[in-house]
């Protein structure tokens, strides 16, 4: 932890989501809400099209932190606010970008602030993971 400084970018990653990704996630999570795979249903409830699952977006957002920690630490807490949906185009999919930065250092733990964007717009607000390094 002594080599960390507030403001350090510890990880940066892009995730490309496709409709296939959503189907696989639905199978793994059991969330088969049709707004995640059918444009007609999504549009019938006022959405612009098929959306990525919120929990999928939340999960991929913390993955760069988990990868950075490897076996030398633990995620103690992780919280986000959902601010915008990730619209997954049937042809082009969607690319979500995650930048993880040290936001605070305190008592052997670090707060990692996550900036999570899709189409240059933030999709998760106040996304933060508190980690402890072994």
C-alpha atoms as a PDB file:
ATOM      1  CA  UNK A   1       0.000   0.000   0.000  1.00  0.00           C
ATOM      2  CA  UNK A   2       2.961   2.312   0.579  1.00  0.00           C
ATOM      3  CA  UNK A   3       3.580   2.569  -3.180  1.00  0.00           C
ATOM      4  CA  UNK A   4       0.081   3.986  -3.810  1.00  0.00           C
ATOM      5  CA  UNK A   5      -0.656   7.674  -4.128  1.00  0.00           C
ATOM      6  CA  UNK A   6      -4.033   9.365  -4.299  1.00  0.00           C
ATOM      7  CA  UNK A   7      -4.837   9.926  -7.967  1.00  0.00           C
ATOM      8  CA  UNK A   8      -2.878   6.901  -9.254  1.00  0.00           C
ATOM      9  CA  UNK A   9      -4.665   5.075 -12.053  1.00  0.00           C
ATOM     10  CA  UNK A  10      -4.360   1.420 -11.059  1.00  0.00           C
ATOM     11  CA  UNK A  11      -6.325  -0.061 -13.970  1.00  0.00           C
ATOM     12  CA  UNK A  12      -8.015   0.860 -17.209  1.00  0.00           C
ATOM     13  CA  UNK A  13     -10.028  -1.573 -19.302  1.00  0.00           C
ATOM     14  CA  UNK A  14     -12.655  -1.738 -22.022  1.00  0.00           C
ATOM     15  CA  UNK A  15     -15.341  -4.404 -22.232  1.00  0.00           C
ATOM     16  CA  UNK A  16     -17.226  -5.077 -25.452  1.00  0.00           C
ATOM     17  CA  UNK A  17     -20.744  -6.367 -24.838  1.00  0.00           C
ATOM     18  CA  UNK A  18     -22.848  -8.046 -27.508  1.00  0.00           C
ATOM     19  CA  UNK A  19     -26.333  -9.487 -27.505  1.00  0.00           C
ATOM     20  CA  UNK A  20     -24.637 -12.887 -27.066  1.00  0.00           C
ATOM     21  CA  UNK A  21     -22.986 -11.535 -23.897  1.00  0.00           C
ATOM     22  CA  UNK A  22     -26.420 -10.612 -22.555  1.00  0.00           C
ATOM     23  CA  UNK A  23     -27.862 -14.052 -23.321  1.00  0.00           C
ATOM     24  CA  UNK A  24     -24.953 -15.742 -21.558  1.00  0.00           C
ATOM     25  CA  UNK A  25     -25.306 -13.430 -18.557  1.00  0.00           C
ATOM     26  CA  UNK A  26     -29.052 -14.088 -18.422  1.00  0.00           C
ATOM     27  CA  UNK A  27     -28.371 -17.817 -18.301  1.00  0.00           C
ATOM     28  CA  UNK A  28     -25.784 -17.436 -15.548  1.00  0.00           C
ATOM     29  CA  UNK A  29     -27.827 -15.001 -13.447  1.00  0.00           C
ATOM     30  CA  UNK A  30     -31.335 -16.267 -14.111  1.00  0.00           C
ATOM     31  CA  UNK A  31     -32.414 -12.741 -15.158  1.00  0.00           C
ATOM     32  CA  UNK A  32     -34.438 -13.392 -18.314  1.00  0.00           C
ATOM     33  CA  UNK A  33     -36.249 -10.054 -18.394  1.00  0.00           C
ATOM     34  CA  UNK A  34     -36.952  -9.540 -22.129  1.00  0.00           C
ATOM     35  CA  UNK A  35     -35.719  -5.913 -22.062  1.00  0.00           C
ATOM     36  CA  UNK A  36     -32.265  -7.518 -22.110  1.00  0.00           C
ATOM     37  CA  UNK A  37     -32.766  -9.386 -25.387  1.00  0.00           C
ATOM     38  CA  UNK A  38     -35.871  -8.136 -27.265  1.00  0.00           C
ATOM     39  CA  UNK A  39     -35.999  -4.669 -28.816  1.00  0.00           C
ATOM     40  CA  UNK A  40     -39.787  -4.783 -29.269  1.00  0.00           C
ATOM     41  CA  UNK A  41     -40.376  -5.441 -25.566  1.00  0.00           C
ATOM     42  CA  UNK A  42     -37.783  -2.853 -24.482  1.00  0.00           C
ATOM     43  CA  UNK A  43     -39.397  -0.247 -26.735  1.00  0.00           C
ATOM     44  CA  UNK A  44     -42.913  -1.154 -25.568  1.00  0.00           C
ATOM     45  CA  UNK A  45     -41.936  -0.072 -22.035  1.00  0.00           C
ATOM     46  CA  UNK A  46     -40.367   3.179 -23.225  1.00  0.00           C
ATOM     47  CA  UNK A  47     -36.733   2.137 -23.562  1.00  0.00           C
ATOM     48  CA  UNK A  48     -34.693   2.966 -26.673  1.00  0.00           C
ATOM     49  CA  UNK A  49     -33.743  -0.704 -27.144  1.00  0.00           C
ATOM     50  CA  UNK A  50     -32.131  -3.671 -25.426  1.00  0.00           C
ATOM     51  CA  UNK A  51     -30.182  -2.773 -22.287  1.00  0.00           C
ATOM     52  CA  UNK A  52     -27.317  -4.556 -20.581  1.00  0.00           C
ATOM     53  CA  UNK A  53     -28.208  -5.965 -17.167  1.00  0.00           C
ATOM     54  CA  UNK A  54     -27.347  -3.514 -14.400  1.00  0.00           C
ATOM     55  CA  UNK A  55     -25.608  -6.227 -12.397  1.00  0.00           C
ATOM     56  CA  UNK A  56     -23.525  -7.157 -15.446  1.00  0.00           C
ATOM     57  CA  UNK A  57     -22.397  -3.546 -15.783  1.00  0.00           C
ATOM     58  CA  UNK A  58     -21.652  -3.405 -12.055  1.00  0.00           C
ATOM     59  CA  UNK A  59     -19.710  -6.676 -12.235  1.00  0.00           C
ATOM     60  CA  UNK A  60     -17.504  -5.690 -15.154  1.00  0.00           C
ATOM     61  CA  UNK A  61     -16.807  -2.327 -13.519  1.00  0.00           C
ATOM     62  CA  UNK A  62     -15.116  -3.897 -10.485  1.00  0.00           C
ATOM     63  CA  UNK A  63     -13.248  -6.588 -12.457  1.00  0.00           C
ATOM     64  CA  UNK A  64     -10.181  -4.401 -13.215  1.00  0.00           C
ATOM     65  CA  UNK A  65      -9.794  -3.832  -9.449  1.00  0.00           C
ATOM     66  CA  UNK A  66     -10.011  -7.567  -8.773  1.00  0.00           C
ATOM     67  CA  UNK A  67      -7.439  -8.224 -11.516  1.00  0.00           C
ATOM     68  CA  UNK A  68      -5.124  -5.545 -10.090  1.00  0.00           C
ATOM     69  CA  UNK A  69      -5.398  -7.005  -6.575  1.00  0.00           C
ATOM     70  CA  UNK A  70      -4.610 -10.551  -7.768  1.00  0.00           C
ATOM     71  CA  UNK A  71      -3.947 -12.580  -4.577  1.00  0.00           C
ATOM     72  CA  UNK A  72      -2.513  -9.711  -2.572  1.00  0.00           C
ATOM     73  CA  UNK A  73      -5.698  -8.161  -1.291  1.00  0.00           C
ATOM     74  CA  UNK A  74      -9.444  -8.201  -0.801  1.00  0.00           C
ATOM     75  CA  UNK A  75     -12.392  -6.114  -1.913  1.00  0.00           C
ATOM     76  CA  UNK A  76     -13.954  -5.070   1.395  1.00  0.00           C
ATOM     77  CA  UNK A  77     -16.872  -3.058   0.032  1.00  0.00           C
ATOM     78  CA  UNK A  78     -18.241  -2.111  -3.378  1.00  0.00           C
ATOM     79  CA  UNK A  79     -21.047   0.307  -4.150  1.00  0.00           C
ATOM     80  CA  UNK A  80     -22.447   2.089  -7.181  1.00  0.00           C
ATOM     81  CA  UNK A  81     -25.386   4.201  -8.262  1.00  0.00           C
ATOM     82  CA  UNK A  82     -26.915   3.388 -11.629  1.00  0.00           C
ATOM     83  CA  UNK A  83     -27.109   6.643 -13.602  1.00  0.00           C
ATOM     84  CA  UNK A  84     -27.614   5.611 -17.241  1.00  0.00           C
ATOM     85  CA  UNK A  85     -28.344   2.344 -19.024  1.00  0.00           C
ATOM     86  CA  UNK A  86     -25.970   0.665 -21.463  1.00  0.00           C
ATOM     87  CA  UNK A  87     -27.804   0.274 -24.762  1.00  0.00           C
ATOM     88  CA  UNK A  88     -26.519  -2.795 -26.629  1.00  0.00           C
ATOM     89  CA  UNK A  89     -26.866  -2.381 -30.395  1.00  0.00           C
ATOM     90  CA  UNK A  90     -27.857  -5.615 -32.216  1.00  0.00           C
ATOM     91  CA  UNK A  91     -25.002  -5.217 -34.718  1.00  0.00           C
ATOM     92  CA  UNK A  92     -22.286  -3.141 -33.045  1.00  0.00           C
ATOM     93  CA  UNK A  93     -22.837  -4.100 -29.403  1.00  0.00           C
ATOM     94  CA  UNK A  94     -21.587  -1.681 -26.753  1.00  0.00           C
ATOM     95  CA  UNK A  95     -18.184  -0.856 -25.318  1.00  0.00           C
ATOM     96  CA  UNK A  96     -17.968   0.025 -21.630  1.00  0.00           C
ATOM     97  CA  UNK A  97     -14.785   1.735 -20.392  1.00  0.00           C
ATOM     98  CA  UNK A  98     -13.597   1.475 -16.790  1.00  0.00           C
ATOM     99  CA  UNK A  99     -10.887   3.636 -15.212  1.00  0.00           C
ATOM    100  CA  UNK A 100      -9.918   2.779 -11.626  1.00  0.00           C
ATOM    101  CA  UNK A 101      -8.127   5.446  -9.586  1.00  0.00           C
ATOM    102  CA  UNK A 102      -6.940   5.633  -5.981  1.00  0.00           C
ATOM    103  CA  UNK A 103      -9.345   8.042  -4.276  1.00  0.00           C
ATOM    104  CA  UNK A 104      -8.248   7.735  -0.651  1.00  0.00           C
ATOM    105  CA  UNK A 105      -5.791   5.868   1.565  1.00  0.00           C
ATOM    106  CA  UNK A 106      -6.750   5.078   5.146  1.00  0.00           C
ATOM    107  CA  UNK A 107      -5.657   2.578   7.793  1.00  0.00           C
ATOM    108  CA  UNK A 108      -4.274  -0.085   5.464  1.00  0.00           C
ATOM    109  CA  UNK A 109      -7.147   0.252   3.004  1.00  0.00           C
ATOM    110  CA  UNK A 110      -7.628   2.165  -0.205  1.00  0.00           C
ATOM    111  CA  UNK A 111     -10.758   3.588  -1.760  1.00  0.00           C
ATOM    112  CA  UNK A 112     -10.713   2.966  -5.491  1.00  0.00           C
ATOM    113  CA  UNK A 113     -12.904   5.336  -7.484  1.00  0.00           C
ATOM    114  CA  UNK A 114     -14.269   3.905 -10.707  1.00  0.00           C
ATOM    115  CA  UNK A 115     -15.234   5.951 -13.734  1.00  0.00           C
ATOM    116  CA  UNK A 116     -17.495   3.786 -15.887  1.00  0.00           C
ATOM    117  CA  UNK A 117     -18.561   5.159 -19.255  1.00  0.00           C
ATOM    118  CA  UNK A 118     -20.472   4.146 -22.365  1.00  0.00           C
ATOM    119  CA  UNK A 119     -20.523   6.481 -25.396  1.00  0.00           C
ATOM    120  CA  UNK A 120     -18.575   9.050 -23.354  1.00  0.00           C
ATOM    121  CA  UNK A 121     -21.313   9.208 -20.696  1.00  0.00           C
ATOM    122  CA  UNK A 122     -21.011   7.998 -17.126  1.00  0.00           C
ATOM    123  CA  UNK A 123     -23.232   4.968 -16.503  1.00  0.00           C
ATOM    124  CA  UNK A 124     -22.366   4.308 -12.850  1.00  0.00           C
ATOM    125  CA  UNK A 125     -22.191   7.154 -10.365  1.00  0.00           C
ATOM    126  CA  UNK A 126     -20.244   7.134  -7.117  1.00  0.00           C
ATOM    127  CA  UNK A 127     -18.767   3.778  -8.078  1.00  0.00           C
ATOM    128  CA  UNK A 128     -16.266   2.939  -5.344  1.00  0.00           C
ATOM    129  CA  UNK A 129     -14.520  -0.151  -4.063  1.00  0.00           C
ATOM    130  CA  UNK A 130     -12.741  -0.261  -0.724  1.00  0.00           C
ATOM    131  CA  UNK A 131      -9.822  -2.656  -0.787  1.00  0.00           C
ATOM    132  CA  UNK A 132      -7.317  -4.013   1.689  1.00  0.00           C
ATOM    133  CA  UNK A 133      -3.885  -5.167   0.619  1.00  0.00           C
ATOM    134  CA  UNK A 134      -2.478  -8.242   2.364  1.00  0.00           C
END
